[in-house]
């Protein structure tokens, strides 16, 4: 079993943090996305969307998409539970994970991909107006999560989950996306200090 990734890319980091929380050790194979290695025929056969990470199981089964990979390991190693416990708990984690991914991480990623000069050869065409629009949407979502975190220890409730992992990686990507953190987000700042201090954040 191995995971193909680009070490510096944010989505593989989501999986590495998840596995660090689980205490799962996996072999990693590196591909340089900036050098076009994800566009090779062999990698495209594994993932036609030419994105990392990709998990390859011992029987040859291929699983791509970060959350799908995390769900596989959640089933294999259920403790600690990072997708929630019980029907209501799992639904709440799914709700907040989707909000973190589609509301925050997506907007940060789109700003980066459509505005950063180094992404011009990968995001064709770059649409600067779309990138700028997503910067504003990301800022709105940061304020939304700040309101949530003024009354909740973690994003989905009392326990650390995949929703926190997604939001952490998104916030750490604000700098390369050139998105300023709005002032006065004390709830978000408190949460970030706690989750960034977890050993898994360095994975």
Protein backbone atom coordinates (compact mmCIF):
# COMPACT_ATOMS: atom_id res chain seq x y z
CA UNK A 1 0.00 0.00 0.00
CA UNK A 2 1.25 3.48 -0.84
CA UNK A 3 0.12 7.04 -1.31
CA UNK A 4 1.30 9.05 -4.29
CA UNK A 5 1.53 12.72 -3.37
CA UNK A 6 3.30 16.02 -3.85
CA UNK A 7 4.71 16.85 -0.44
CA UNK A 8 4.16 20.61 -0.72
CA UNK A 9 0.57 20.39 -1.97
CA UNK A 10 -2.27 21.07 0.49
CA UNK A 11 -4.58 18.14 -0.23
CA UNK A 12 -1.95 15.49 0.51
CA UNK A 13 -1.29 17.33 3.76
CA UNK A 14 -4.93 16.81 4.74
CA UNK A 15 -4.42 13.06 4.42
CA UNK A 16 -1.09 13.12 6.25
CA UNK A 17 -2.64 14.99 9.19
CA UNK A 18 -5.54 12.54 9.25
CA UNK A 19 -3.19 9.53 9.28
CA UNK A 20 -1.00 11.14 11.95
CA UNK A 21 -4.08 11.49 14.17
CA UNK A 22 -4.81 7.81 13.56
CA UNK A 23 -1.22 6.73 14.12
CA UNK A 24 -1.18 5.02 10.71
CA UNK A 25 2.11 4.62 8.86
CA UNK A 26 2.03 4.55 5.04
CA UNK A 27 4.67 4.53 2.33
CA UNK A 28 4.70 7.70 0.22
CA UNK A 29 5.80 8.17 -3.37
CA UNK A 30 6.50 11.72 -4.51
CA UNK A 31 5.46 13.27 -7.83
CA UNK A 32 6.28 16.88 -8.72
CA UNK A 33 3.05 18.53 -9.86
CA UNK A 34 4.84 21.76 -10.80
CA UNK A 35 7.08 19.81 -13.18
CA UNK A 36 4.06 18.24 -14.88
CA UNK A 37 4.59 14.75 -13.46
CA UNK A 38 0.87 14.37 -12.76
CA UNK A 39 0.18 14.70 -16.47
CA UNK A 40 2.17 11.58 -17.35
CA UNK A 41 0.34 8.65 -18.92
CA UNK A 42 1.02 6.34 -15.99
CA UNK A 43 -0.33 8.75 -13.41
CA UNK A 44 -3.30 9.76 -15.56
CA UNK A 45 -4.23 6.07 -15.73
CA UNK A 46 -4.45 6.09 -11.94
CA UNK A 47 -6.31 9.40 -11.67
CA UNK A 48 -7.65 10.95 -14.89
CA UNK A 49 -8.12 14.26 -13.04
CA UNK A 50 -4.32 14.40 -12.57
CA UNK A 51 -4.51 15.41 -8.91
CA UNK A 52 -2.87 14.11 -5.74
CA UNK A 53 -3.12 12.30 -3.39
CA UNK A 54 -3.81 8.83 -4.74
CA UNK A 55 -3.95 5.75 -2.51
CA UNK A 56 -2.98 2.40 -4.06
CA UNK A 57 -3.95 -0.64 -2.00
CA UNK A 58 -2.01 -3.90 -1.97
CA UNK A 59 -4.54 -5.52 -4.35
CA UNK A 60 -4.12 -2.68 -6.85
CA UNK A 61 -7.31 -0.83 -5.95
CA UNK A 62 -6.90 2.91 -6.54
CA UNK A 63 -8.64 5.51 -4.38
CA UNK A 64 -8.30 9.22 -5.13
CA UNK A 65 -9.88 12.31 -3.54
CA UNK A 66 -8.60 13.28 -0.11
CA UNK A 67 -11.79 12.70 1.87
CA UNK A 68 -12.40 9.32 0.19
CA UNK A 69 -8.91 8.23 1.24
CA UNK A 70 -9.57 9.42 4.77
CA UNK A 71 -12.87 7.54 4.86
CA UNK A 72 -11.07 4.34 3.89
CA UNK A 73 -8.70 4.69 6.81
CA UNK A 74 -11.56 5.64 9.14
CA UNK A 75 -13.15 2.29 8.33
CA UNK A 76 -9.89 0.42 8.77
CA UNK A 77 -8.83 2.27 11.94
CA UNK A 78 -11.98 3.63 13.62
CA UNK A 79 -10.21 5.04 16.69
CA UNK A 80 -9.97 7.91 17.24
CA UNK A 81 -13.16 8.67 15.30
CA UNK A 82 -12.57 11.62 12.97
CA UNK A 83 -15.86 11.39 11.04
CA UNK A 84 -18.12 11.54 14.08
CA UNK A 85 -19.88 8.98 16.27
CA UNK A 86 -23.45 7.79 15.78
CA UNK A 87 -25.95 8.89 13.11
CA UNK A 88 -26.28 12.48 14.36
CA UNK A 89 -22.59 12.90 15.09
CA UNK A 90 -21.52 11.61 11.68
CA UNK A 91 -24.09 13.81 9.94
CA UNK A 92 -22.88 16.88 11.81
CA UNK A 93 -19.25 16.18 10.93
CA UNK A 94 -20.25 15.68 7.28
CA UNK A 95 -22.14 18.99 7.34
CA UNK A 96 -19.21 20.94 8.78
CA UNK A 97 -16.66 19.15 6.63
CA UNK A 98 -18.61 20.15 3.52
CA UNK A 99 -18.80 23.74 4.74
CA UNK A 100 -15.07 23.79 5.40
CA UNK A 101 -14.25 22.19 2.05
CA UNK A 102 -16.70 23.88 -0.30
CA UNK A 103 -17.10 27.15 1.58
CA UNK A 104 -13.53 27.82 2.68
CA UNK A 105 -10.94 25.51 1.15
CA UNK A 106 -12.43 25.68 -2.36
CA UNK A 107 -12.40 29.48 -2.36
CA UNK A 108 -8.82 29.67 -1.07
CA UNK A 109 -7.69 27.15 -3.69
CA UNK A 110 -9.46 28.98 -6.51
CA UNK A 111 -7.87 32.28 -5.53
CA UNK A 112 -4.45 30.63 -5.53
CA UNK A 113 -4.90 28.75 -8.79
CA UNK A 114 -6.33 31.73 -10.71
CA UNK A 115 -4.09 34.51 -9.35
CA UNK A 116 -0.66 33.05 -8.58
CA UNK A 117 1.76 33.38 -11.52
CA UNK A 118 3.35 29.98 -10.83
CA UNK A 119 0.00 28.29 -11.43
CA UNK A 120 -0.50 29.74 -14.91
CA UNK A 121 0.73 26.58 -16.67
CA UNK A 122 -1.56 24.35 -14.60
CA UNK A 123 -4.76 26.43 -14.44
CA UNK A 124 -5.57 27.09 -18.09
CA UNK A 125 -7.09 29.54 -18.49
CA UNK A 126 -6.44 31.57 -15.38
CA UNK A 127 -9.38 33.91 -14.73
CA UNK A 128 -8.15 36.71 -12.45
CA UNK A 129 -11.64 38.10 -11.81
CA UNK A 130 -12.73 34.68 -10.56
CA UNK A 131 -9.67 34.49 -8.32
CA UNK A 132 -10.43 37.90 -6.81
CA UNK A 133 -14.08 36.98 -6.27
CA UNK A 134 -13.04 33.88 -4.36
CA UNK A 135 -10.76 35.91 -2.09
CA UNK A 136 -13.81 37.81 -0.89
CA UNK A 137 -15.82 34.61 -0.46
CA UNK A 138 -12.98 33.07 1.59
CA UNK A 139 -12.95 36.10 3.89
CA UNK A 140 -16.71 35.77 4.43
CA UNK A 141 -16.29 32.11 5.37
CA UNK A 142 -13.49 32.92 7.82
CA UNK A 143 -15.93 35.21 9.60
CA UNK A 144 -18.58 32.49 9.49
CA UNK A 145 -16.26 29.97 11.14
CA UNK A 146 -15.17 32.56 13.68
CA UNK A 147 -18.76 32.91 14.84
CA UNK A 148 -19.05 29.14 15.12
CA UNK A 149 -15.81 28.83 17.08
CA UNK A 150 -16.78 31.43 19.65
CA UNK A 151 -19.19 28.84 21.07
CA UNK A 152 -17.69 25.53 19.95
CA UNK A 153 -14.25 24.13 20.83
CA UNK A 154 -13.84 22.50 17.42
CA UNK A 155 -15.62 23.09 14.14
CA UNK A 156 -18.05 20.16 14.33
CA UNK A 157 -18.46 20.22 18.10
CA UNK A 158 -16.53 19.03 21.14
CA UNK A 159 -14.17 16.69 19.29
CA UNK A 160 -11.43 17.18 16.69
CA UNK A 161 -12.52 15.89 13.26
CA UNK A 162 -11.75 15.97 9.57
CA UNK A 163 -13.59 19.31 9.41
CA UNK A 164 -10.84 20.83 11.57
CA UNK A 165 -8.17 19.29 9.34
CA UNK A 166 -9.71 20.79 6.20
CA UNK A 167 -10.09 24.23 7.78
CA UNK A 168 -6.55 24.16 9.19
CA UNK A 169 -5.02 23.37 5.80
CA UNK A 170 -7.17 26.04 4.16
CA UNK A 171 -6.08 28.70 6.64
CA UNK A 172 -2.43 27.74 6.31
CA UNK A 173 -2.86 28.28 2.56
CA UNK A 174 -4.12 31.85 2.94
CA UNK A 175 -0.57 33.20 2.66
CA UNK A 176 0.35 31.62 -0.70
CA UNK A 177 -3.15 32.51 -1.92
CA UNK A 178 -2.45 36.10 -0.82
CA UNK A 179 -5.62 36.37 1.24
CA UNK A 180 -5.44 38.51 4.35
CA UNK A 181 -6.94 37.18 7.57
CA UNK A 182 -9.70 39.60 8.67
CA UNK A 183 -9.03 41.35 11.96
CA UNK A 184 -10.81 40.54 15.19
CA UNK A 185 -11.56 36.86 14.59
CA UNK A 186 -10.87 35.83 18.18
CA UNK A 187 -12.78 32.56 18.05
CA UNK A 188 -10.93 31.44 14.96
CA UNK A 189 -7.61 32.53 16.44
CA UNK A 190 -8.23 30.54 19.63
CA UNK A 191 -9.13 27.45 17.63
CA UNK A 192 -6.21 27.81 15.24
CA UNK A 193 -3.71 28.07 18.08
CA UNK A 194 -5.03 24.81 19.52
CA UNK A 195 -5.18 22.77 16.31
CA UNK A 196 -1.87 24.05 14.94
CA UNK A 197 -0.19 22.95 18.20
CA UNK A 198 -1.29 19.35 17.72
CA UNK A 199 1.66 17.14 16.64
CA UNK A 200 -0.30 15.99 13.59
CA UNK A 201 -0.26 19.52 12.13
CA UNK A 202 3.42 19.04 11.30
CA UNK A 203 2.76 15.89 9.26
